Amino acid sequence: MKVLGKMIPSVLGMLGKKSNTVLYPYTRAEVSDRFRGALKFHGELCVGCKLCQHVCPSNAIFIRDEGEKNFKATVNLAKCIFCGQCVDVCNKKALENTPDFELATSDKASLKVES
């Protein structure tokens, strides 16, 4: 019963204060500029060095040569751990992190992005 007596003043003090929670589904969450969301690949900037593919700890990126200095990437967002190593190692800035974080889906195949 001693704990309840200590808790009552704290609870009464919070009654008039504004809530600290966010109404997330109804209001868009703000993310910082350095947020590491879903990956975006820019094929026109890629030179095919495949450094991003080699440094990816979860093997979520696969770069393939389509010929004539044309490279395509397959990014498996289901495997990606959003560490940002691929973005940091890319000298040509062909990969970037986007602020997209709402990636929940019931279809795992839709998380494989071809670009």
PDB file of N, CA and C in Angstrom:
ATOM      1  N   MET A   1       0.808  -1.187   0.000  1.00  0.00           N
ATOM      2  CA  MET A   1       0.000   0.000   0.000  1.00  0.00           C
ATOM      3  C   MET A   1       0.857   1.259   0.000  1.00  0.00           C
ATOM      4  N   LYS A   2       2.129   1.144   0.429  1.00  0.00           N
ATOM      5  CA  LYS A   2       3.023   2.296   0.435  1.00  0.00           C
ATOM      6  C   LYS A   2       3.307   2.783  -0.987  1.00  0.00           C
ATOM      7  N   VAL A   3       3.403   1.851  -1.937  1.00  0.00           N
ATOM      8  CA  VAL A   3       3.694   2.203  -3.314  1.00  0.00           C
ATOM      9  C   VAL A   3       2.534   2.997  -3.913  1.00  0.00           C
ATOM     10  N   LEU A   4       1.319   2.616  -3.618  1.00  0.00           N
ATOM     11  CA  LEU A   4       0.147   3.310  -4.133  1.00  0.00           C
ATOM     12  C   LEU A   4       0.115   4.753  -3.632  1.00  0.00           C
ATOM     13  N   GLY A   5       0.496   4.974  -2.384  1.00  0.00           N
ATOM     14  CA  GLY A   5       0.527   6.325  -1.827  1.00  0.00           C
ATOM     15  C   GLY A   5       1.564   7.203  -2.518  1.00  0.00           C
ATOM     16  N   LYS A   6       2.687   6.629  -2.955  1.00  0.00           N
ATOM     17  CA  LYS A   6       3.719   7.383  -3.663  1.00  0.00           C
ATOM     18  C   LYS A   6       3.310   7.666  -5.106  1.00  0.00           C
ATOM     19  N   MET A   7       2.482   6.808  -5.671  1.00  0.00           N
ATOM     20  CA  MET A   7       2.106   6.919  -7.065  1.00  0.00           C
ATOM     21  C   MET A   7       0.985   7.942  -7.292  1.00  0.00           C
ATOM     22  N   ILE A   8       0.111   8.142  -6.346  1.00  0.00           N
ATOM     23  CA  ILE A   8      -1.050   9.022  -6.512  1.00  0.00           C
ATOM     24  C   ILE A   8      -0.649  10.457  -6.839  1.00  0.00           C
ATOM     25  N   PRO A   9       0.279  11.094  -6.158  1.00  0.00           N
ATOM     26  CA  PRO A   9       0.638  12.467  -6.532  1.00  0.00           C
ATOM     27  C   PRO A   9       1.209  12.561  -7.947  1.00  0.00           C
ATOM     28  N   SER A  10       1.954  11.543  -8.365  1.00  0.00           N
ATOM     29  CA  SER A  10       2.521  11.538  -9.716  1.00  0.00           C
ATOM     30  C   SER A  10       1.417  11.432 -10.771  1.00  0.00           C
ATOM     31  N   VAL A  11       0.448  10.568 -10.536  1.00  0.00           N
ATOM     32  CA  VAL A  11      -0.660  10.392 -11.478  1.00  0.00           C
ATOM     33  C   VAL A  11      -1.503  11.657 -11.551  1.00  0.00           C
ATOM     34  N   LEU A  12      -1.812  12.261 -10.395  1.00  0.00           N
ATOM     35  CA  LEU A  12      -2.611  13.485 -10.387  1.00  0.00           C
ATOM     36  C   LEU A  12      -1.875  14.636 -11.064  1.00  0.00           C
ATOM     37  N   GLY A  13      -0.559  14.672 -10.956  1.00  0.00           N
ATOM     38  CA  GLY A  13       0.229  15.719 -11.609  1.00  0.00           C
ATOM     39  C   GLY A  13       0.228  15.612 -13.119  1.00  0.00           C
ATOM     40  N   MET A  14       0.016  14.405 -13.642  1.00  0.00           N
ATOM     41  CA  MET A  14       0.011  14.194 -15.091  1.00  0.00           C
ATOM     42  C   MET A  14      -1.350  14.423 -15.727  1.00  0.00           C
ATOM     43  N   LEU A  15      -2.391  14.540 -14.954  1.00  0.00           N
ATOM     44  CA  LEU A  15      -3.732  14.653 -15.512  1.00  0.00           C
ATOM     45  C   LEU A  15      -3.912  15.885 -16.393  1.00  0.00           C
ATOM     46  N   GLY A  16      -3.323  16.999 -16.050  1.00  0.00           N
ATOM     47  CA  GLY A  16      -3.505  18.217 -16.824  1.00  0.00           C
ATOM     48  C   GLY A  16      -2.495  18.411 -17.934  1.00  0.00           C
ATOM     49  N   LYS A  17      -1.500  17.550 -18.034  1.00  0.00           N
ATOM     50  CA  LYS A  17      -0.438  17.719 -19.029  1.00  0.00           C
ATOM     51  C   LYS A  17      -0.810  17.098 -20.374  1.00  0.00           C
ATOM     52  N   LYS A  18      -0.196  17.626 -21.441  1.00  0.00           N
ATOM     53  CA  LYS A  18      -0.394  17.116 -22.780  1.00  0.00           C
ATOM     54  C   LYS A  18       0.303  15.762 -22.935  1.00  0.00           C
ATOM     55  N   SER A  19      -0.282  14.889 -23.723  1.00  0.00           N
ATOM     56  CA  SER A  19       0.262  13.554 -23.949  1.00  0.00           C
ATOM     57  C   SER A  19       1.569  13.619 -24.743  1.00  0.00           C
ATOM     58  N   ASN A  20       2.487  12.720 -24.475  1.00  0.00           N
ATOM     59  CA  ASN A  20       3.760  12.656 -25.195  1.00  0.00           C
ATOM     60  C   ASN A  20       3.698  11.732 -26.397  1.00  0.00           C
ATOM     61  N   THR A  21       2.626  11.005 -26.547  1.00  0.00           N
ATOM     62  CA  THR A  21       2.518  10.081 -27.669  1.00  0.00           C
ATOM     63  C   THR A  21       2.132  10.814 -28.945  1.00  0.00           C
ATOM     64  N   VAL A  22       2.388  10.171 -30.070  1.00  0.00           N
ATOM     65  CA  VAL A  22       2.118  10.756 -31.380  1.00  0.00           C
ATOM     66  C   VAL A  22       0.944  10.013 -32.003  1.00  0.00           C
ATOM     67  N   LEU A  23       0.089  10.720 -32.682  1.00  0.00           N
ATOM     68  CA  LEU A  23      -1.035  10.099 -33.371  1.00  0.00           C
ATOM     69  C   LEU A  23      -0.560   9.621 -34.742  1.00  0.00           C
ATOM     70  N   TYR A  24       0.336   8.639 -34.748  1.00  0.00           N
ATOM     71  CA  TYR A  24       1.079   8.254 -35.949  1.00  0.00           C
ATOM     72  C   TYR A  24       0.238   7.951 -37.191  1.00  0.00           C
ATOM     73  N   PRO A  25      -0.700   7.078 -37.178  1.00  0.00           N
ATOM     74  CA  PRO A  25      -1.331   6.803 -38.476  1.00  0.00           C
ATOM     75  C   PRO A  25      -2.078   8.006 -39.044  1.00  0.00           C
ATOM     76  N   TYR A  26      -2.474   8.910 -38.189  1.00  0.00           N
ATOM     77  CA  TYR A  26      -3.276  10.056 -38.635  1.00  0.00           C
ATOM     78  C   TYR A  26      -2.428  11.277 -38.964  1.00  0.00           C
ATOM     79  N   THR A  27      -1.275  11.393 -38.358  1.00  0.00           N
ATOM     80  CA  THR A  27      -0.357  12.485 -38.670  1.00  0.00           C
ATOM     81  C   THR A  27       0.957  11.879 -39.143  1.00  0.00           C
ATOM     82  N   ARG A  28       1.513  12.422 -40.186  1.00  0.00           N
ATOM     83  CA  ARG A  28       2.754  11.904 -40.774  1.00  0.00           C
ATOM     84  C   ARG A  28       3.924  12.134 -39.824  1.00  0.00           C
ATOM     85  N   ALA A  29       4.714  11.106 -39.602  1.00  0.00           N
ATOM     86  CA  ALA A  29       5.873  11.198 -38.722  1.00  0.00           C
ATOM     87  C   ALA A  29       6.992  11.978 -39.417  1.00  0.00           C
ATOM     88  N   GLU A  30       7.644  12.850 -38.695  1.00  0.00           N
ATOM     89  CA  GLU A  30       8.773  13.620 -39.209  1.00  0.00           C
ATOM     90  C   GLU A  30      10.045  12.783 -39.050  1.00  0.00           C
ATOM     91  N   VAL A  31      10.830  12.718 -40.099  1.00  0.00           N
ATOM     92  CA  VAL A  31      12.106  12.013 -40.031  1.00  0.00           C
ATOM     93  C   VAL A  31      13.226  13.005 -40.311  1.00  0.00           C
ATOM     94  N   SER A  32      14.402  12.729 -39.799  1.00  0.00           N
ATOM     95  CA  SER A  32      15.534  13.635 -39.984  1.00  0.00           C
ATOM     96  C   SER A  32      16.108  13.495 -41.394  1.00  0.00           C
ATOM     97  N   ASP A  33      16.968  14.415 -41.758  1.00  0.00           N
ATOM     98  CA  ASP A  33      17.601  14.391 -43.078  1.00  0.00           C
ATOM     99  C   ASP A  33      18.507  13.176 -43.246  1.00  0.00           C
ATOM    100  N   ARG A  34      19.061  12.688 -42.163  1.00  0.00           N
ATOM    101  CA  ARG A  34      19.993  11.558 -42.228  1.00  0.00           C
ATOM    102  C   ARG A  34      19.311  10.225 -41.946  1.00  0.00           C
ATOM    103  N   PHE A  35      17.997  10.186 -42.009  1.00  0.00           N
ATOM    104  CA  PHE A  35      17.243   8.964 -41.756  1.00  0.00           C
ATOM    105  C   PHE A  35      17.559   7.932 -42.840  1.00  0.00           C
ATOM    106  N   ARG A  36      17.719   6.685 -42.459  1.00  0.00           N
ATOM    107  CA  ARG A  36      18.044   5.616 -43.407  1.00  0.00           C
ATOM    108  C   ARG A  36      16.807   4.771 -43.670  1.00  0.00           C
ATOM    109  N   GLY A  37      16.044   5.178 -44.664  1.00  0.00           N
ATOM    110  CA  GLY A  37      14.852   4.429 -45.050  1.00  0.00           C
ATOM    111  C   GLY A  37      15.147   3.520 -46.225  1.00  0.00           C
ATOM    112  N   ALA A  38      14.133   3.285 -47.036  1.00  0.00           N
ATOM    113  CA  ALA A  38      14.271   2.408 -48.210  1.00  0.00           C
ATOM    114  C   ALA A  38      15.329   2.950 -49.164  1.00  0.00           C
ATOM    115  N   LEU A  39      15.996   2.043 -49.858  1.00  0.00           N
ATOM    116  CA  LEU A  39      17.055   2.422 -50.794  1.00  0.00           C
ATOM    117  C   LEU A  39      16.481   2.793 -52.156  1.00  0.00           C
ATOM    118  N   LYS A  40      17.125   3.754 -52.806  1.00  0.00           N
ATOM    119  CA  LYS A  40      16.775   4.145 -54.171  1.00  0.00           C
ATOM    120  C   LYS A  40      18.047   4.058 -55.006  1.00  0.00           C
ATOM    121  N   PHE A  41      17.948   3.399 -56.157  1.00  0.00           N
ATOM    122  CA  PHE A  41      19.094   3.183 -57.036  1.00  0.00           C
ATOM    123  C   PHE A  41      18.967   4.080 -58.261  1.00  0.00           C
ATOM    124  N   HIS A  42      20.062   4.766 -58.608  1.00  0.00           N
ATOM    125  CA  HIS A  42      20.125   5.611 -59.802  1.00  0.00           C
ATOM    126  C   HIS A  42      21.047   4.928 -60.804  1.00  0.00           C
ATOM    127  N   GLY A  43      20.476   4.196 -61.746  1.00  0.00           N
ATOM    128  CA  GLY A  43      21.248   3.421 -62.710  1.00  0.00           C
ATOM    129  C   GLY A  43      22.119   4.260 -63.628  1.00  0.00           C
ATOM    130  N   GLU A  44      21.701   5.495 -63.902  1.00  0.00           N
ATOM    131  CA  GLU A  44      22.477   6.350 -64.804  1.00  0.00           C
ATOM    132  C   GLU A  44      23.788   6.806 -64.169  1.00  0.00           C
ATOM    133  N   LEU A  45      23.889   6.753 -62.846  1.00  0.00           N
ATOM    134  CA  LEU A  45      25.117   7.152 -62.154  1.00  0.00           C
ATOM    135  C   LEU A  45      26.038   5.973 -61.858  1.00  0.00           C
ATOM    136  N   CYS A  46      25.511   4.774 -61.908  1.00  0.00           N
ATOM    137  CA  CYS A  46      26.273   3.576 -61.546  1.00  0.00           C
ATOM    138  C   CYS A  46      27.334   3.256 -62.593  1.00  0.00           C
ATOM    139  N   VAL A  47      28.535   2.896 -62.108  1.00  0.00           N
ATOM    140  CA  VAL A  47      29.628   2.502 -63.001  1.00  0.00           C
ATOM    141  C   VAL A  47      29.903   1.002 -62.929  1.00  0.00           C
ATOM    142  N   GLY A  48      29.149   0.279 -62.130  1.00  0.00           N
ATOM    143  CA  GLY A  48      29.283  -1.170 -62.068  1.00  0.00           C
ATOM    144  C   GLY A  48      30.414  -1.693 -61.226  1.00  0.00           C
ATOM    145  N   CYS A  49      30.908  -0.929 -60.280  1.00  0.00           N
ATOM    146  CA  CYS A  49      32.027  -1.390 -59.444  1.00  0.00           C
ATOM    147  C   CYS A  49      31.593  -2.459 -58.441  1.00  0.00           C
ATOM    148  N   LYS A  50      30.316  -2.506 -58.126  1.00  0.00           N
ATOM    149  CA  LYS A  50      29.708  -3.488 -57.214  1.00  0.00           C
ATOM    150  C   LYS A  50      30.244  -3.413 -55.788  1.00  0.00           C
ATOM    151  N   LEU A  51      30.791  -2.269 -55.411  1.00  0.00           N
ATOM    152  CA  LEU A  51      31.235  -2.114 -54.019  1.00  0.00           C
ATOM    153  C   LEU A  51      30.064  -2.231 -53.055  1.00  0.00           C
ATOM    154  N   CYS A  52      28.924  -1.667 -53.445  1.00  0.00           N
ATOM    155  CA  CYS A  52      27.745  -1.740 -52.582  1.00  0.00           C
ATOM    156  C   CYS A  52      27.331  -3.186 -52.343  1.00  0.00           C
ATOM    157  N   GLN A  53      27.417  -3.987 -53.366  1.00  0.00           N
ATOM    158  CA  GLN A  53      27.066  -5.402 -53.264  1.00  0.00           C
ATOM    159  C   GLN A  53      28.028  -6.136 -52.342  1.00  0.00           C
ATOM    160  N   HIS A  54      29.310  -5.785 -52.397  1.00  0.00           N
ATOM    161  CA  HIS A  54      30.318  -6.474 -51.592  1.00  0.00           C
ATOM    162  C   HIS A  54      30.269  -6.087 -50.116  1.00  0.00           C
ATOM    163  N   VAL A  55      29.904  -4.842 -49.807  1.00  0.00           N
ATOM    164  CA  VAL A  55      29.915  -4.417 -48.401  1.00  0.00           C
ATOM    165  C   VAL A  55      28.595  -4.682 -47.690  1.00  0.00           C
ATOM    166  N   CYS A  56      27.576  -5.075 -48.416  1.00  0.00           N
ATOM    167  CA  CYS A  56      26.261  -5.306 -47.797  1.00  0.00           C
ATOM    168  C   CYS A  56      26.333  -6.522 -46.866  1.00  0.00           C
ATOM    169  N   PRO A  57      26.127  -6.327 -45.556  1.00  0.00           N
ATOM    170  CA  PRO A  57      26.256  -7.448 -44.623  1.00  0.00           C
ATOM    171  C   PRO A  57      25.130  -8.473 -44.745  1.00  0.00           C
ATOM    172  N   SER A  58      24.011  -8.093 -45.342  1.00  0.00           N
ATOM    173  CA  SER A  58      22.896  -9.028 -45.452  1.00  0.00           C
ATOM    174  C   SER A  58      22.657  -9.513 -46.886  1.00  0.00           C
ATOM    175  N   ASN A  59      23.565  -9.180 -47.800  1.00  0.00           N
ATOM    176  CA  ASN A  59      23.451  -9.573 -49.215  1.00  0.00           C
ATOM    177  C   ASN A  59      22.099  -9.185 -49.807  1.00  0.00           C
ATOM    178  N   ALA A  60      21.678  -7.952 -49.563  1.00  0.00           N
ATOM    179  CA  ALA A  60      20.384  -7.473 -50.028  1.00  0.00           C
ATOM    180  C   ALA A  60      20.464  -6.782 -51.381  1.00  0.00           C
ATOM    181  N   ILE A  61      21.668  -6.532 -51.898  1.00  0.00           N
ATOM    182  CA  ILE A  61      21.838  -5.820 -53.165  1.00  0.00           C
ATOM    183  C   ILE A  61      22.521  -6.723 -54.177  1.00  0.00           C
ATOM    184  N   PHE A  62      21.981  -6.709 -55.389  1.00  0.00           N
ATOM    185  CA  PHE A  62      22.606  -7.433 -56.494  1.00  0.00           C
ATOM    186  C   PHE A  62      22.651  -6.494 -57.695  1.00  0.00           C
ATOM    187  N   ILE A  63      23.855  -6.209 -58.202  1.00  0.00           N
ATOM    188  CA  ILE A  63      24.047  -5.338 -59.364  1.00  0.00           C
ATOM    189  C   ILE A  63      24.340  -6.216 -60.566  1.00  0.00           C
ATOM    190  N   ARG A  64      23.645  -5.954 -61.673  1.00  0.00           N
ATOM    191  CA  ARG A  64      23.893  -6.718 -62.899  1.00  0.00           C
ATOM    192  C   ARG A  64      24.116  -5.764 -64.069  1.00  0.00           C
ATOM    193  N   ASP A  65      24.949  -6.215 -64.996  1.00  0.00           N
ATOM    194  CA  ASP A  65      25.303  -5.436 -66.173  1.00  0.00           C
ATOM    195  C   ASP A  65      24.322  -5.756 -67.298  1.00  0.00           C
ATOM    196  N   GLU A  66      23.670  -4.728 -67.801  1.00  0.00           N
ATOM    197  CA  GLU A  66      22.728  -4.887 -68.906  1.00  0.00           C
ATOM    198  C   GLU A  66      23.376  -4.543 -70.245  1.00  0.00           C
ATOM    199  N   GLY A  67      24.677  -4.217 -70.245  1.00  0.00           N
ATOM    200  CA  GLY A  67      25.406  -3.881 -71.459  1.00  0.00           C
ATOM    201  C   GLY A  67      25.398  -2.388 -71.735  1.00  0.00           C
ATOM    202  N   GLU A  68      26.414  -1.916 -72.478  1.00  0.00           N
ATOM    203  CA  GLU A  68      26.533  -0.511 -72.858  1.00  0.00           C
ATOM    204  C   GLU A  68      26.492   0.442 -71.653  1.00  0.00           C
ATOM    205  N   LYS A  69      27.249   0.133 -70.621  1.00  0.00           N
ATOM    206  CA  LYS A  69      27.321   0.954 -69.406  1.00  0.00           C
ATOM    207  C   LYS A  69      25.951   1.186 -68.776  1.00  0.00           C
ATOM    208  N   ASN A  70      25.123   0.161 -68.854  1.00  0.00           N
ATOM    209  CA  ASN A  70      23.785   0.215 -68.280  1.00  0.00           C
ATOM    210  C   ASN A  70      23.701  -0.834 -67.182  1.00  0.00           C
ATOM    211  N   PHE A  71      23.505  -0.391 -65.950  1.00  0.00           N
ATOM    212  CA  PHE A  71      23.479  -1.296 -64.809  1.00  0.00           C
ATOM    213  C   PHE A  71      22.126  -1.246 -64.131  1.00  0.00           C
ATOM    214  N   LYS A  72      21.678  -2.395 -63.697  1.00  0.00           N
ATOM    215  CA  LYS A  72      20.409  -2.535 -62.980  1.00  0.00           C
ATOM    216  C   LYS A  72      20.705  -3.104 -61.597  1.00  0.00           C
ATOM    217  N   ALA A  73      19.863  -2.764 -60.651  1.00  0.00           N
ATOM    218  CA  ALA A  73      20.037  -3.261 -59.289  1.00  0.00           C
ATOM    219  C   ALA A  73      18.771  -3.940 -58.816  1.00  0.00           C
ATOM    220  N   THR A  74      18.956  -4.984 -58.046  1.00  0.00           N
ATOM    221  CA  THR A  74      17.857  -5.629 -57.341  1.00  0.00           C
ATOM    222  C   THR A  74      18.139  -5.443 -55.858  1.00  0.00           C
ATOM    223  N   VAL A  75      17.240  -4.744 -55.187  1.00  0.00           N
ATOM    224  CA  VAL A  75      17.375  -4.502 -53.753  1.00  0.00           C
ATOM    225  C   VAL A  75      16.271  -5.264 -53.055  1.00  0.00           C
ATOM    226  N   ASN A  76      16.653  -6.183 -52.198  1.00  0.00           N
ATOM    227  CA  ASN A  76      15.686  -6.959 -51.442  1.00  0.00           C
ATOM    228  C   ASN A  76      15.503  -6.285 -50.079  1.00  0.00           C
ATOM    229  N   LEU A  77      14.437  -5.503 -49.952  1.00  0.00           N
ATOM    230  CA  LEU A  77      14.191  -4.762 -48.708  1.00  0.00           C
ATOM    231  C   LEU A  77      13.803  -5.679 -47.553  1.00  0.00           C
ATOM    232  N   ALA A  78      13.414  -6.912 -47.865  1.00  0.00           N
ATOM    233  CA  ALA A  78      13.118  -7.872 -46.805  1.00  0.00           C
ATOM    234  C   ALA A  78      14.393  -8.327 -46.105  1.00  0.00           C
ATOM    235  N   LYS A  79      15.520  -8.302 -46.815  1.00  0.00           N
ATOM    236  CA  LYS A  79      16.797  -8.694 -46.235  1.00  0.00           C
ATOM    237  C   LYS A  79      17.600  -7.504 -45.711  1.00  0.00           C
ATOM    238  N   CYS A  80      17.322  -6.322 -46.243  1.00  0.00           N
ATOM    239  CA  CYS A  80      18.095  -5.124 -45.908  1.00  0.00           C
ATOM    240  C   CYS A  80      17.946  -4.777 -44.423  1.00  0.00           C
ATOM    241  N   ILE A  81      19.062  -4.422 -43.786  1.00  0.00           N
ATOM    242  CA  ILE A  81      19.023  -4.013 -42.380  1.00  0.00           C
ATOM    243  C   ILE A  81      19.169  -2.498 -42.242  1.00  0.00           C
ATOM    244  N   PHE A  82      19.150  -1.777 -43.368  1.00  0.00           N
ATOM    245  CA  PHE A  82      19.170  -0.316 -43.414  1.00  0.00           C
ATOM    246  C   PHE A  82      20.359   0.273 -42.653  1.00  0.00           C
ATOM    247  N   CYS A  83      21.513  -0.340 -42.835  1.00  0.00           N
ATOM    248  CA  CYS A  83      22.727   0.121 -42.159  1.00  0.00           C
ATOM    249  C   CYS A  83      23.358   1.307 -42.889  1.00  0.00           C
ATOM    250  N   GLY A  84      23.124   1.436 -44.183  1.00  0.00           N
ATOM    251  CA  GLY A  84      23.648   2.553 -44.953  1.00  0.00           C
ATOM    252  C   GLY A  84      25.066   2.377 -45.453  1.00  0.00           C
ATOM    253  N   GLN A  85      25.665   1.209 -45.280  1.00  0.00           N
ATOM    254  CA  GLN A  85      27.035   0.998 -45.750  1.00  0.00           C
ATOM    255  C   GLN A  85      27.121   1.096 -47.265  1.00  0.00           C
ATOM    256  N   CYS A  86      26.114   0.615 -47.965  1.00  0.00           N
ATOM    257  CA  CYS A  86      26.124   0.668 -49.426  1.00  0.00           C
ATOM    258  C   CYS A  86      26.073   2.112 -49.917  1.00  0.00           C
ATOM    259  N   VAL A  87      25.324   2.939 -49.246  1.00  0.00           N
ATOM    260  CA  VAL A  87      25.224   4.352 -49.625  1.00  0.00           C
ATOM    261  C   VAL A  87      26.540   5.064 -49.344  1.00  0.00           C
ATOM    262  N   ASP A  88      27.159   4.752 -48.219  1.00  0.00           N
ATOM    263  CA  ASP A  88      28.418   5.400 -47.841  1.00  0.00           C
ATOM    264  C   ASP A  88      29.565   5.018 -48.768  1.00  0.00           C
ATOM    265  N   VAL A  89      29.604   3.773 -49.249  1.00  0.00           N
ATOM    266  CA  VAL A  89      30.732   3.300 -50.041  1.00  0.00           C
ATOM    267  C   VAL A  89      30.615   3.690 -51.519  1.00  0.00           C
ATOM    268  N   CYS A  90      29.431   4.045 -51.983  1.00  0.00           N
ATOM    269  CA  CYS A  90      29.238   4.362 -53.398  1.00  0.00           C
ATOM    270  C   CYS A  90      29.874   5.709 -53.740  1.00  0.00           C
ATOM    271  N   ASN A  91      30.912   5.671 -54.581  1.00  0.00           N
ATOM    272  CA  ASN A  91      31.639   6.884 -54.966  1.00  0.00           C
ATOM    273  C   ASN A  91      30.834   7.772 -55.897  1.00  0.00           C
ATOM    274  N   LYS A  92      29.940   7.200 -56.673  1.00  0.00           N
ATOM    275  CA  LYS A  92      29.178   7.934 -57.686  1.00  0.00           C
ATOM    276  C   LYS A  92      27.792   8.345 -57.200  1.00  0.00           C
ATOM    277  N   LYS A  93      27.467   8.057 -55.944  1.00  0.00           N
ATOM    278  CA  LYS A  93      26.163   8.398 -55.353  1.00  0.00           C
ATOM    279  C   LYS A  93      25.004   7.780 -56.130  1.00  0.00           C
ATOM    280  N   ALA A  94      25.192   6.538 -56.581  1.00  0.00           N
ATOM    281  CA  ALA A  94      24.145   5.836 -57.311  1.00  0.00           C
ATOM    282  C   ALA A  94      23.094   5.255 -56.379  1.00  0.00           C
ATOM    283  N   LEU A  95      23.408   5.161 -55.113  1.00  0.00           N
ATOM    284  CA  LEU A  95      22.450   4.689 -54.114  1.00  0.00           C
ATOM    285  C   LEU A  95      22.183   5.803 -53.113  1.00  0.00           C
ATOM    286  N   GLU A  96      20.930   5.897 -52.684  1.00  0.00           N
ATOM    287  CA  GLU A  96      20.587   6.871 -51.651  1.00  0.00           C
ATOM    288  C   GLU A  96      19.510   6.295 -50.743  1.00  0.00           C
ATOM    289  N   ASN A  97      19.492   6.762 -49.516  1.00  0.00           N
ATOM    290  CA  ASN A  97      18.438   6.406 -48.587  1.00  0.00           C
ATOM    291  C   ASN A  97      17.295   7.399 -48.741  1.00  0.00           C
ATOM    292  N   THR A  98      16.089   6.900 -48.778  1.00  0.00           N
ATOM    293  CA  THR A  98      14.913   7.751 -48.856  1.00  0.00           C
ATOM    294  C   THR A  98      14.267   7.815 -47.482  1.00  0.00           C
ATOM    295  N   PRO A  99      13.373   8.751 -47.260  1.00  0.00           N
ATOM    296  CA  PRO A  99      12.693   8.814 -45.961  1.00  0.00           C
ATOM    297  C   PRO A  99      11.545   7.816 -45.835  1.00  0.00           C
ATOM    298  N   ASP A 100      11.385   6.914 -46.790  1.00  0.00           N
ATOM    299  CA  ASP A 100      10.287   5.939 -46.745  1.00  0.00           C
ATOM    300  C   ASP A 100      10.588   4.858 -45.714  1.00  0.00           C
ATOM    301  N   PHE A 101       9.684   4.703 -44.763  1.00  0.00           N
ATOM    302  CA  PHE A 101       9.866   3.675 -43.745  1.00  0.00           C
ATOM    303  C   PHE A 101       8.618   2.822 -43.582  1.00  0.00           C
ATOM    304  N   GLU A 102       7.558   3.146 -44.245  1.00  0.00           N
ATOM    305  CA  GLU A 102       6.323   2.366 -44.138  1.00  0.00           C
ATOM    306  C   GLU A 102       6.367   1.250 -45.177  1.00  0.00           C
ATOM    307  N   LEU A 103       7.050   0.178 -44.861  1.00  0.00           N
ATOM    308  CA  LEU A 103       7.295  -0.901 -45.805  1.00  0.00           C
ATOM    309  C   LEU A 103       6.540  -2.176 -45.464  1.00  0.00           C
ATOM    310  N   ALA A 104       5.654  -2.117 -44.491  1.00  0.00           N
ATOM    311  CA  ALA A 104       4.941  -3.319 -44.064  1.00  0.00           C
ATOM    312  C   ALA A 104       4.045  -3.844 -45.181  1.00  0.00           C
ATOM    313  N   THR A 105       4.103  -5.145 -45.392  1.00  0.00           N
ATOM    314  CA  THR A 105       3.291  -5.783 -46.420  1.00  0.00           C
ATOM    315  C   THR A 105       3.105  -7.257 -46.065  1.00  0.00           C
ATOM    316  N   SER A 106       2.078  -7.847 -46.611  1.00  0.00           N
ATOM    317  CA  SER A 106       1.875  -9.277 -46.388  1.00  0.00           C
ATOM    318  C   SER A 106       2.492 -10.091 -47.529  1.00  0.00           C
ATOM    319  N   ASP A 107       2.941  -9.422 -48.590  1.00  0.00           N
ATOM    320  CA  ASP A 107       3.555 -10.083 -49.725  1.00  0.00           C
ATOM    321  C   ASP A 107       5.056  -9.808 -49.727  1.00  0.00           C
ATOM    322  N   LYS A 108       5.836 -10.783 -49.333  1.00  0.00           N
ATOM    323  CA  LYS A 108       7.290 -10.605 -49.228  1.00  0.00           C
ATOM    324  C   LYS A 108       7.936 -10.320 -50.580  1.00  0.00           C
ATOM    325  N   ALA A 109       7.345 -10.805 -51.657  1.00  0.00           N
ATOM    326  CA  ALA A 109       7.902 -10.595 -52.987  1.00  0.00           C
ATOM    327  C   ALA A 109       7.837  -9.119 -53.393  1.00  0.00           C
ATOM    328  N   SER A 110       6.920  -8.360 -52.839  1.00  0.00           N
ATOM    329  CA  SER A 110       6.814  -6.949 -53.190  1.00  0.00           C
ATOM    330  C   SER A 110       7.946  -6.114 -52.588  1.00  0.00           C
ATOM    331  N   LEU A 111       8.710  -6.687 -51.684  1.00  0.00           N
ATOM    332  CA  LEU A 111       9.836  -5.995 -51.087  1.00  0.00           C
ATOM    333  C   LEU A 111      11.127  -6.134 -51.904  1.00  0.00           C
ATOM    334  N   LYS A 112      11.045  -6.868 -52.991  1.00  0.00           N
ATOM    335  CA  LYS A 112      12.185  -7.013 -53.910  1.00  0.00           C
ATOM    336  C   LYS A 112      12.011  -5.952 -54.993  1.00  0.00           C
ATOM    337  N   VAL A 113      12.866  -4.936 -54.977  1.00  0.00           N
ATOM    338  CA  VAL A 113      12.734  -3.796 -55.881  1.00  0.00           C
ATOM    339  C   VAL A 113      13.746  -3.919 -57.005  1.00  0.00           C
ATOM    340  N   GLU A 114      13.262  -3.926 -58.228  1.00  0.00           N
ATOM    341  CA  GLU A 114      14.113  -3.965 -59.422  1.00  0.00           C
ATOM    342  C   GLU A 114      14.192  -2.564 -59.990  1.00  0.00           C
ATOM    343  N   SER A 115      15.406  -2.073 -60.220  1.00  0.00           N
ATOM    344  CA  SER A 115      15.538  -0.746 -60.825  1.00  0.00           C
ATOM    345  C   SER A 115      16.762  -0.683 -61.712  1.00  0.00           C
TER     346      SER A 115
END
